[in-house]
Amino acid sequence: MRSTLADDLREEYGQRSVRVNAGDTVEVLRGDYAGEEGEVVEVDLDDAAIYVEDVTVAAADGEDVPRPLDASNVRVTELDLDDDRREARLESEEDSA
């Protein structure tokens, strides 16, 4: 699942969007949580959902559970570059752009 990049990251990497990974920091653009910013805790490819810390909803028993978000409703503001292959891929695509 891909999501748009913040303007400063677009200029830095020469890309409009990037695959969302756990550890990335995102800003919610749409819905009840618009304006919230937090770290991606989980990316569920089966349900096409992203779970962001502090974006929760109360369950029937009162417990807070993560609220699934669609990748199109968030913007990546900070990349988690702990993965060397991901960093190399971003750098190589920057050179080809």
PDB file of N, CA and C in Angstrom:
ATOM      1  N   MET A   1       0.840  -1.172   0.000  1.00  0.00           N
ATOM      2  CA  MET A   1       0.000   0.000   0.000  1.00  0.00           C
ATOM      3  C   MET A   1       0.888   1.239   0.000  1.00  0.00           C
ATOM      4  N   ARG A   2       0.535   2.152  -0.861  1.00  0.00           N
ATOM      5  CA  ARG A   2       1.311   3.375  -0.984  1.00  0.00           C
ATOM      6  C   ARG A   2       0.510   4.557  -0.462  1.00  0.00           C
ATOM      7  N   SER A   3       1.248   5.556  -0.002  1.00  0.00           N
ATOM      8  CA  SER A   3       0.629   6.776   0.492  1.00  0.00           C
ATOM      9  C   SER A   3       1.475   7.956   0.043  1.00  0.00           C
ATOM     10  N   THR A   4       0.858   9.126  -0.039  1.00  0.00           N
ATOM     11  CA  THR A   4       1.579  10.304  -0.506  1.00  0.00           C
ATOM     12  C   THR A   4       2.640  10.734   0.503  1.00  0.00           C
ATOM     13  N   LEU A   5       3.654  11.399  -0.004  1.00  0.00           N
ATOM     14  CA  LEU A   5       4.739  11.916   0.829  1.00  0.00           C
ATOM     15  C   LEU A   5       4.508  13.388   1.136  1.00  0.00           C
ATOM     16  N   ALA A   6       5.024  13.842   2.263  1.00  0.00           N
ATOM     17  CA  ALA A   6       5.011  15.264   2.604  1.00  0.00           C
ATOM     18  C   ALA A   6       5.878  16.007   1.587  1.00  0.00           C
ATOM     19  N   ASP A   7       5.614  17.292   1.414  1.00  0.00           N
ATOM     20  CA  ASP A   7       6.297  18.089   0.390  1.00  0.00           C
ATOM     21  C   ASP A   7       7.817  18.040   0.508  1.00  0.00           C
ATOM     22  N   ASP A   8       8.352  18.135   1.733  1.00  0.00           N
ATOM     23  CA  ASP A   8       9.810  18.128   1.886  1.00  0.00           C
ATOM     24  C   ASP A   8      10.406  16.783   1.487  1.00  0.00           C
ATOM     25  N   LEU A   9       9.698  15.680   1.760  1.00  0.00           N
ATOM     26  CA  LEU A   9      10.188  14.359   1.364  1.00  0.00           C
ATOM     27  C   LEU A   9      10.053  14.150  -0.140  1.00  0.00           C
ATOM     28  N   ARG A  10       9.027  14.751  -0.744  1.00  0.00           N
ATOM     29  CA  ARG A  10       8.878  14.664  -2.200  1.00  0.00           C
ATOM     30  C   ARG A  10      10.080  15.282  -2.896  1.00  0.00           C
ATOM     31  N   GLU A  11      10.489  16.444  -2.411  1.00  0.00           N
ATOM     32  CA  GLU A  11      11.647  17.114  -3.005  1.00  0.00           C
ATOM     33  C   GLU A  11      12.916  16.311  -2.774  1.00  0.00           C
ATOM     34  N   GLU A  12      13.060  15.757  -1.571  1.00  0.00           N
ATOM     35  CA  GLU A  12      14.281  15.029  -1.222  1.00  0.00           C
ATOM     36  C   GLU A  12      14.440  13.748  -2.034  1.00  0.00           C
ATOM     37  N   TYR A  13      13.344  12.998  -2.231  1.00  0.00           N
ATOM     38  CA  TYR A  13      13.434  11.694  -2.885  1.00  0.00           C
ATOM     39  C   TYR A  13      12.919  11.687  -4.318  1.00  0.00           C
ATOM     40  N   GLY A  14      12.320  12.773  -4.769  1.00  0.00           N
ATOM     41  CA  GLY A  14      11.846  12.834  -6.142  1.00  0.00           C
ATOM     42  C   GLY A  14      10.690  11.889  -6.428  1.00  0.00           C
ATOM     43  N   GLN A  15       9.895  11.581  -5.412  1.00  0.00           N
ATOM     44  CA  GLN A  15       8.749  10.688  -5.567  1.00  0.00           C
ATOM     45  C   GLN A  15       7.513  11.338  -4.975  1.00  0.00           C
ATOM     46  N   ARG A  16       6.364  10.978  -5.518  1.00  0.00           N
ATOM     47  CA  ARG A  16       5.106  11.508  -5.012  1.00  0.00           C
ATOM     48  C   ARG A  16       4.549  10.640  -3.887  1.00  0.00           C
ATOM     49  N   SER A  17       4.798   9.322  -3.970  1.00  0.00           N
ATOM     50  CA  SER A  17       4.271   8.415  -2.956  1.00  0.00           C
ATOM     51  C   SER A  17       5.295   7.336  -2.646  1.00  0.00           C
ATOM     52  N   VAL A  18       5.041   6.635  -1.540  1.00  0.00           N
ATOM     53  CA  VAL A  18       5.960   5.599  -1.091  1.00  0.00           C
ATOM     54  C   VAL A  18       5.149   4.521  -0.379  1.00  0.00           C
ATOM     55  N   ARG A  19       5.688   3.314  -0.346  1.00  0.00           N
ATOM     56  CA  ARG A  19       5.027   2.228   0.374  1.00  0.00           C
ATOM     57  C   ARG A  19       5.086   2.528   1.870  1.00  0.00           C
ATOM     58  N   VAL A  20       3.966   2.346   2.554  1.00  0.00           N
ATOM     59  CA  VAL A  20       3.891   2.623   3.990  1.00  0.00           C
ATOM     60  C   VAL A  20       4.386   1.403   4.752  1.00  0.00           C
ATOM     61  N   ASN A  21       5.308   1.617   5.689  1.00  0.00           N
ATOM     62  CA  ASN A  21       5.840   0.556   6.540  1.00  0.00           C
ATOM     63  C   ASN A  21       5.592   0.893   7.997  1.00  0.00           C
ATOM     64  N   ALA A  22       5.543  -0.135   8.828  1.00  0.00           N
ATOM     65  CA  ALA A  22       5.465   0.082  10.272  1.00  0.00           C
ATOM     66  C   ALA A  22       6.710   0.852  10.690  1.00  0.00           C
ATOM     67  N   GLY A  23       6.545   1.856  11.511  1.00  0.00           N
ATOM     68  CA  GLY A  23       7.661   2.694  11.939  1.00  0.00           C
ATOM     69  C   GLY A  23       7.665   4.057  11.275  1.00  0.00           C
ATOM     70  N   ASP A  24       6.994   4.185  10.129  1.00  0.00           N
ATOM     71  CA  ASP A  24       6.867   5.491   9.482  1.00  0.00           C
ATOM     72  C   ASP A  24       5.972   6.392  10.331  1.00  0.00           C
ATOM     73  N   THR A  25       6.193   7.691  10.234  1.00  0.00           N
ATOM     74  CA  THR A  25       5.315   8.647  10.900  1.00  0.00           C
ATOM     75  C   THR A  25       4.383   9.226   9.847  1.00  0.00           C
ATOM     76  N   VAL A  26       3.083   9.229  10.156  1.00  0.00           N
ATOM     77  CA  VAL A  26       2.091   9.704   9.198  1.00  0.00           C
ATOM     78  C   VAL A  26       1.182  10.742   9.831  1.00  0.00           C
ATOM     79  N   GLU A  27       0.577  11.552   8.975  1.00  0.00           N
ATOM     80  CA  GLU A  27      -0.435  12.528   9.386  1.00  0.00           C
ATOM     81  C   GLU A  27      -1.756  12.098   8.760  1.00  0.00           C
ATOM     82  N   VAL A  28      -2.802  12.039   9.559  1.00  0.00           N
ATOM     83  CA  VAL A  28      -4.124  11.662   9.063  1.00  0.00           C
ATOM     84  C   VAL A  28      -4.743  12.886   8.387  1.00  0.00           C
ATOM     85  N   LEU A  29      -5.214  12.708   7.152  1.00  0.00           N
ATOM     86  CA  LEU A  29      -5.742  13.821   6.367  1.00  0.00           C
ATOM     87  C   LEU A  29      -7.262  13.889   6.356  1.00  0.00           C
ATOM     88  N   ARG A  30      -7.939  12.766   6.518  1.00  0.00           N
ATOM     89  CA  ARG A  30      -9.391  12.713   6.395  1.00  0.00           C
ATOM     90  C   ARG A  30     -10.007  11.991   7.587  1.00  0.00           C
ATOM     91  N   GLY A  31     -11.278  12.272   7.819  1.00  0.00           N
ATOM     92  CA  GLY A  31     -12.031  11.549   8.831  1.00  0.00           C
ATOM     93  C   GLY A  31     -12.000  12.214  10.194  1.00  0.00           C
ATOM     94  N   ASP A  32     -12.479  11.479  11.193  1.00  0.00           N
ATOM     95  CA  ASP A  32     -12.583  11.996  12.556  1.00  0.00           C
ATOM     96  C   ASP A  32     -11.227  12.338  13.162  1.00  0.00           C
ATOM     97  N   TYR A  33     -10.173  11.715  12.669  1.00  0.00           N
ATOM     98  CA  TYR A  33      -8.846  11.911  13.250  1.00  0.00           C
ATOM     99  C   TYR A  33      -7.966  12.808  12.385  1.00  0.00           C
ATOM    100  N   ALA A  34      -8.549  13.567  11.489  1.00  0.00           N
ATOM    101  CA  ALA A  34      -7.788  14.464  10.617  1.00  0.00           C
ATOM    102  C   ALA A  34      -6.942  15.408  11.459  1.00  0.00           C
ATOM    103  N   GLY A  35      -5.677  15.534  11.081  1.00  0.00           N
ATOM    104  CA  GLY A  35      -4.760  16.395  11.811  1.00  0.00           C
ATOM    105  C   GLY A  35      -3.904  15.643  12.816  1.00  0.00           C
ATOM    106  N   GLU A  36      -4.316  14.436  13.198  1.00  0.00           N
ATOM    107  CA  GLU A  36      -3.526  13.625  14.133  1.00  0.00           C
ATOM    108  C   GLU A  36      -2.262  13.141  13.436  1.00  0.00           C
ATOM    109  N   GLU A  37      -1.194  13.033  14.192  1.00  0.00           N
ATOM    110  CA  GLU A  37       0.058  12.523  13.654  1.00  0.00           C
ATOM    111  C   GLU A  37       0.574  11.455  14.597  1.00  0.00           C
ATOM    112  N   GLY A  38       1.093  10.373  14.036  1.00  0.00           N
ATOM    113  CA  GLY A  38       1.606   9.301  14.875  1.00  0.00           C
ATOM    114  C   GLY A  38       2.375   8.283  14.061  1.00  0.00           C
ATOM    115  N   GLU A  39       2.957   7.331  14.771  1.00  0.00           N
ATOM    116  CA  GLU A  39       3.763   6.295  14.143  1.00  0.00           C
ATOM    117  C   GLU A  39       2.870   5.139  13.704  1.00  0.00           C
ATOM    118  N   VAL A  40       3.163   4.582  12.541  1.00  0.00           N
ATOM    119  CA  VAL A  40       2.425   3.420  12.052  1.00  0.00           C
ATOM    120  C   VAL A  40       2.847   2.215  12.881  1.00  0.00           C
ATOM    121  N   VAL A  41       1.854   1.545  13.497  1.00  0.00           N
ATOM    122  CA  VAL A  41       2.146   0.391  14.341  1.00  0.00           C
ATOM    123  C   VAL A  41       2.039  -0.899  13.534  1.00  0.00           C
ATOM    124  N   GLU A  42       1.111  -0.928  12.586  1.00  0.00           N
ATOM    125  CA  GLU A  42       0.882  -2.145  11.810  1.00  0.00           C
ATOM    126  C   GLU A  42       0.321  -1.780  10.447  1.00  0.00           C
ATOM    127  N   VAL A  43       0.720  -2.563   9.442  1.00  0.00           N
ATOM    128  CA  VAL A  43       0.147  -2.446   8.106  1.00  0.00           C
ATOM    129  C   VAL A  43      -0.466  -3.802   7.783  1.00  0.00           C
ATOM    130  N   ASP A  44      -1.781  -3.844   7.617  1.00  0.00           N
ATOM    131  CA  ASP A  44      -2.505  -5.085   7.349  1.00  0.00           C
ATOM    132  C   ASP A  44      -2.825  -5.143   5.860  1.00  0.00           C
ATOM    133  N   LEU A  45      -2.068  -5.953   5.122  1.00  0.00           N
ATOM    134  CA  LEU A  45      -2.256  -6.030   3.675  1.00  0.00           C
ATOM    135  C   LEU A  45      -3.534  -6.771   3.302  1.00  0.00           C
ATOM    136  N   ASP A  46      -3.969  -7.728   4.128  1.00  0.00           N
ATOM    137  CA  ASP A  46      -5.200  -8.470   3.835  1.00  0.00           C
ATOM    138  C   ASP A  46      -6.416  -7.554   3.859  1.00  0.00           C
ATOM    139  N   ASP A  47      -6.476  -6.669   4.834  1.00  0.00           N
ATOM    140  CA  ASP A  47      -7.612  -5.754   4.964  1.00  0.00           C
ATOM    141  C   ASP A  47      -7.332  -4.381   4.369  1.00  0.00           C
ATOM    142  N   ALA A  48      -6.138  -4.191   3.805  1.00  0.00           N
ATOM    143  CA  ALA A  48      -5.732  -2.901   3.233  1.00  0.00           C
ATOM    144  C   ALA A  48      -5.921  -1.785   4.253  1.00  0.00           C
ATOM    145  N   ALA A  49      -5.386  -1.991   5.460  1.00  0.00           N
ATOM    146  CA  ALA A  49      -5.567  -1.027   6.546  1.00  0.00           C
ATOM    147  C   ALA A  49      -4.235  -0.688   7.191  1.00  0.00           C
ATOM    148  N   ILE A  50      -4.148   0.542   7.672  1.00  0.00           N
ATOM    149  CA  ILE A  50      -2.982   1.021   8.409  1.00  0.00           C
ATOM    150  C   ILE A  50      -3.454   1.353   9.815  1.00  0.00           C
ATOM    151  N   TYR A  51      -2.667   0.964  10.805  1.00  0.00           N
ATOM    152  CA  TYR A  51      -2.994   1.273  12.195  1.00  0.00           C
ATOM    153  C   TYR A  51      -1.937   2.226  12.737  1.00  0.00           C
ATOM    154  N   VAL A  52      -2.392   3.356  13.289  1.00  0.00           N
ATOM    155  CA  VAL A  52      -1.509   4.407  13.773  1.00  0.00           C
ATOM    156  C   VAL A  52      -1.688   4.528  15.282  1.00  0.00           C
ATOM    157  N   GLU A  53      -0.557   4.710  15.998  1.00  0.00           N
ATOM    158  CA  GLU A  53      -0.655   4.847  17.449  1.00  0.00           C
ATOM    159  C   GLU A  53      -1.506   6.065  17.802  1.00  0.00           C
ATOM    160  N   ASP A  54      -2.233   5.966  18.878  1.00  0.00           N
ATOM    161  CA  ASP A  54      -3.109   7.027  19.385  1.00  0.00           C
ATOM    162  C   ASP A  54      -4.329   7.301  18.506  1.00  0.00           C
ATOM    163  N   VAL A  55      -4.545   6.513  17.462  1.00  0.00           N
ATOM    164  CA  VAL A  55      -5.773   6.614  16.678  1.00  0.00           C
ATOM    165  C   VAL A  55      -6.588   5.376  17.033  1.00  0.00           C
ATOM    166  N   THR A  56      -7.418   5.526  18.065  1.00  0.00           N
ATOM    167  CA  THR A  56      -8.165   4.391  18.594  1.00  0.00           C
ATOM    168  C   THR A  56      -9.639   4.738  18.714  1.00  0.00           C
ATOM    169  N   VAL A  57     -10.441   3.707  18.879  1.00  0.00           N
ATOM    170  CA  VAL A  57     -11.870   3.861  19.087  1.00  0.00           C
ATOM    171  C   VAL A  57     -12.245   2.944  20.253  1.00  0.00           C
ATOM    172  N   ALA A  58     -13.237   3.348  21.034  1.00  0.00           N
ATOM    173  CA  ALA A  58     -13.650   2.555  22.186  1.00  0.00           C
ATOM    174  C   ALA A  58     -14.499   1.371  21.727  1.00  0.00           C
ATOM    175  N   ALA A  59     -14.131   0.180  22.180  1.00  0.00           N
ATOM    176  CA  ALA A  59     -14.912  -1.018  21.887  1.00  0.00           C
ATOM    177  C   ALA A  59     -16.103  -1.078  22.837  1.00  0.00           C
ATOM    178  N   ALA A  60     -16.974  -2.039  22.619  1.00  0.00           N
ATOM    179  CA  ALA A  60     -18.177  -2.173  23.439  1.00  0.00           C
ATOM    180  C   ALA A  60     -17.844  -2.400  24.908  1.00  0.00           C
ATOM    181  N   ASP A  61     -16.718  -3.071  25.166  1.00  0.00           N
ATOM    182  CA  ASP A  61     -16.341  -3.332  26.556  1.00  0.00           C
ATOM    183  C   ASP A  61     -15.553  -2.179  27.171  1.00  0.00           C
ATOM    184  N   GLY A  62     -15.392  -1.078  26.435  1.00  0.00           N
ATOM    185  CA  GLY A  62     -14.700   0.095  26.954  1.00  0.00           C
ATOM    186  C   GLY A  62     -13.218   0.141  26.643  1.00  0.00           C
ATOM    187  N   GLU A  63     -12.678  -0.929  26.099  1.00  0.00           N
ATOM    188  CA  GLU A  63     -11.254  -0.981  25.773  1.00  0.00           C
ATOM    189  C   GLU A  63     -10.985  -0.202  24.483  1.00  0.00           C
ATOM    190  N   ASP A  64      -9.862   0.496  24.433  1.00  0.00           N
ATOM    191  CA  ASP A  64      -9.470   1.209  23.217  1.00  0.00           C
ATOM    192  C   ASP A  64      -8.824   0.232  22.243  1.00  0.00           C
ATOM    193  N   VAL A  65      -9.332   0.200  21.022  1.00  0.00           N
ATOM    194  CA  VAL A  65      -8.771  -0.658  19.985  1.00  0.00           C
ATOM    195  C   VAL A  65      -8.330   0.230  18.824  1.00  0.00           C
ATOM    196  N   PRO A  66      -7.275  -0.176  18.111  1.00  0.00           N
ATOM    197  CA  PRO A  66      -6.788   0.637  16.993  1.00  0.00           C
ATOM    198  C   PRO A  66      -7.847   0.779  15.905  1.00  0.00           C
ATOM    199  N   ARG A  67      -7.934   1.963  15.329  1.00  0.00           N
ATOM    200  CA  ARG A  67      -8.891   2.234  14.257  1.00  0.00           C
ATOM    201  C   ARG A  67      -8.184   2.056  12.925  1.00  0.00           C
ATOM    202  N   PRO A  68      -8.701   1.197  12.047  1.00  0.00           N
ATOM    203  CA  PRO A  68      -8.059   1.016  10.739  1.00  0.00           C
ATOM    204  C   PRO A  68      -8.237   2.258   9.865  1.00  0.00           C
ATOM    205  N   LEU A  69      -7.170   2.623   9.172  1.00  0.00           N
ATOM    206  CA  LEU A  69      -7.195   3.767   8.258  1.00  0.00           C
ATOM    207  C   LEU A  69      -6.806   3.294   6.865  1.00  0.00           C
ATOM    208  N   ASP A  70      -7.333   3.950   5.860  1.00  0.00           N
ATOM    209  CA  ASP A  70      -6.963   3.655   4.486  1.00  0.00           C
ATOM    210  C   ASP A  70      -5.702   4.444   4.133  1.00  0.00           C
ATOM    211  N   ALA A  71      -4.834   3.848   3.333  1.00  0.00           N
ATOM    212  CA  ALA A  71      -3.571   4.502   2.974  1.00  0.00           C
ATOM    213  C   ALA A  71      -3.789   5.817   2.232  1.00  0.00           C
ATOM    214  N   SER A  72      -4.918   5.950   1.546  1.00  0.00           N
ATOM    215  CA  SER A  72      -5.178   7.181   0.799  1.00  0.00           C
ATOM    216  C   SER A  72      -5.536   8.342   1.718  1.00  0.00           C
ATOM    217  N   ASN A  73      -5.806   8.061   2.981  1.00  0.00           N
ATOM    218  CA  ASN A  73      -6.214   9.102   3.920  1.00  0.00           C
ATOM    219  C   ASN A  73      -5.090   9.572   4.834  1.00  0.00           C
ATOM    220  N   VAL A  74      -3.866   9.149   4.548  1.00  0.00           N
ATOM    221  CA  VAL A  74      -2.730   9.580   5.368  1.00  0.00           C
ATOM    222  C   VAL A  74      -1.616  10.101   4.469  1.00  0.00           C
ATOM    223  N   ARG A  75      -0.736  10.902   5.051  1.00  0.00           N
ATOM    224  CA  ARG A  75       0.443  11.435   4.366  1.00  0.00           C
ATOM    225  C   ARG A  75       1.665  11.070   5.201  1.00  0.00           C
ATOM    226  N   VAL A  76       2.682  10.505   4.564  1.00  0.00           N
ATOM    227  CA  VAL A  76       3.909  10.127   5.259  1.00  0.00           C
ATOM    228  C   VAL A  76       4.729  11.384   5.510  1.00  0.00           C
ATOM    229  N   THR A  77       5.029  11.656   6.790  1.00  0.00           N
ATOM    230  CA  THR A  77       5.796  12.851   7.143  1.00  0.00           C
ATOM    231  C   THR A  77       7.230  12.518   7.531  1.00  0.00           C
ATOM    232  N   GLU A  78       7.473  11.255   7.891  1.00  0.00           N
ATOM    233  CA  GLU A  78       8.825  10.833   8.261  1.00  0.00           C
ATOM    234  C   GLU A  78       8.969   9.357   7.932  1.00  0.00           C
ATOM    235  N   LEU A  79      10.061   9.008   7.258  1.00  0.00           N
ATOM    236  CA  LEU A  79      10.290   7.625   6.858  1.00  0.00           C
ATOM    237  C   LEU A  79      11.152   6.900   7.878  1.00  0.00           C
ATOM    238  N   ASP A  80      10.854   5.621   8.083  1.00  0.00           N
ATOM    239  CA  ASP A  80      11.681   4.759   8.920  1.00  0.00           C
ATOM    240  C   ASP A  80      12.697   4.101   7.993  1.00  0.00           C
ATOM    241  N   LEU A  81      13.945   4.536   8.060  1.00  0.00           N
ATOM    242  CA  LEU A  81      14.974   4.049   7.142  1.00  0.00           C
ATOM    243  C   LEU A  81      15.915   3.047   7.804  1.00  0.00           C
ATOM    244  N   ASP A  82      15.406   2.271   8.771  1.00  0.00           N
ATOM    245  CA  ASP A  82      16.221   1.235   9.405  1.00  0.00           C
ATOM    246  C   ASP A  82      16.546   0.114   8.428  1.00  0.00           C
ATOM    247  N   ASP A  83      15.690  -0.089   7.430  1.00  0.00           N
ATOM    248  CA  ASP A  83      15.894  -1.126   6.426  1.00  0.00           C
ATOM    249  C   ASP A  83      16.830  -0.581   5.342  1.00  0.00           C
ATOM    250  N   ASP A  84      18.003  -1.189   5.220  1.00  0.00           N
ATOM    251  CA  ASP A  84      18.995  -0.720   4.249  1.00  0.00           C
ATOM    252  C   ASP A  84      18.493  -0.840   2.812  1.00  0.00           C
ATOM    253  N   ARG A  85      17.753  -1.919   2.525  1.00  0.00           N
ATOM    254  CA  ARG A  85      17.243  -2.097   1.161  1.00  0.00           C
ATOM    255  C   ARG A  85      16.230  -1.011   0.804  1.00  0.00           C
ATOM    256  N   ARG A  86      15.401  -0.626   1.772  1.00  0.00           N
ATOM    257  CA  ARG A  86      14.416   0.429   1.514  1.00  0.00           C
ATOM    258  C   ARG A  86      15.127   1.750   1.242  1.00  0.00           C
ATOM    259  N   GLU A  87      16.128   2.048   2.045  1.00  0.00           N
ATOM    260  CA  GLU A  87      16.876   3.291   1.858  1.00  0.00           C
ATOM    261  C   GLU A  87      17.574   3.297   0.501  1.00  0.00           C
ATOM    262  N   ALA A  88      18.183   2.170   0.133  1.00  0.00           N
ATOM    263  CA  ALA A  88      18.871   2.084  -1.154  1.00  0.00           C
ATOM    264  C   ALA A  88      17.888   2.241  -2.311  1.00  0.00           C
ATOM    265  N   ARG A  89      16.697   1.664  -2.183  1.00  0.00           N
ATOM    266  CA  ARG A  89      15.687   1.771  -3.229  1.00  0.00           C
ATOM    267  C   ARG A  89      15.237   3.220  -3.396  1.00  0.00           C
ATOM    268  N   LEU A  90      15.037   3.908  -2.286  1.00  0.00           N
ATOM    269  CA  LEU A  90      14.635   5.315  -2.357  1.00  0.00           C
ATOM    270  C   LEU A  90      15.725   6.161  -2.998  1.00  0.00           C
ATOM    271  N   GLU A  91      16.969   5.892  -2.637  1.00  0.00           N
ATOM    272  CA  GLU A  91      18.089   6.656  -3.194  1.00  0.00           C
ATOM    273  C   GLU A  91      18.238   6.389  -4.686  1.00  0.00           C
ATOM    274  N   SER A  92      18.071   5.123  -5.115  1.00  0.00           N
ATOM    275  CA  SER A  92      18.236   4.810  -6.533  1.00  0.00           C
ATOM    276  C   SER A  92      17.111   5.419  -7.361  1.00  0.00           C
ATOM    277  N   GLU A  93      15.892   5.437  -6.826  1.00  0.00           N
ATOM    278  CA  GLU A  93      14.782   6.050  -7.551  1.00  0.00           C
ATOM    279  C   GLU A  93      14.945   7.562  -7.603  1.00  0.00           C
ATOM    280  N   GLU A  94      15.594   8.124  -6.581  1.00  0.00           N
ATOM    281  CA  GLU A  94      15.861   9.565  -6.575  1.00  0.00           C
ATOM    282  C   GLU A  94      16.823   9.908  -7.707  1.00  0.00           C
ATOM    283  N   ASP A  95      17.837   9.060  -7.918  1.00  0.00           N
ATOM    284  CA  ASP A  95      18.821   9.317  -8.962  1.00  0.00           C
ATOM    285  C   ASP A  95      18.216   9.202 -10.357  1.00  0.00           C
ATOM    286  N   SER A  96      17.258   8.280 -10.527  1.00  0.00           N
ATOM    287  CA  SER A  96      16.674   8.071 -11.847  1.00  0.00           C
ATOM    288  C   SER A  96      15.594   9.096 -12.183  1.00  0.00           C
ATOM    289  N   ALA A  97      15.105   9.809 -11.188  1.00  0.00           N
ATOM    290  CA  ALA A  97      14.012  10.774 -11.427  1.00  0.00           C
ATOM    291  C   ALA A  97      14.508  12.057 -12.039  1.00  0.00           C
TER     292      ALA A  97
END
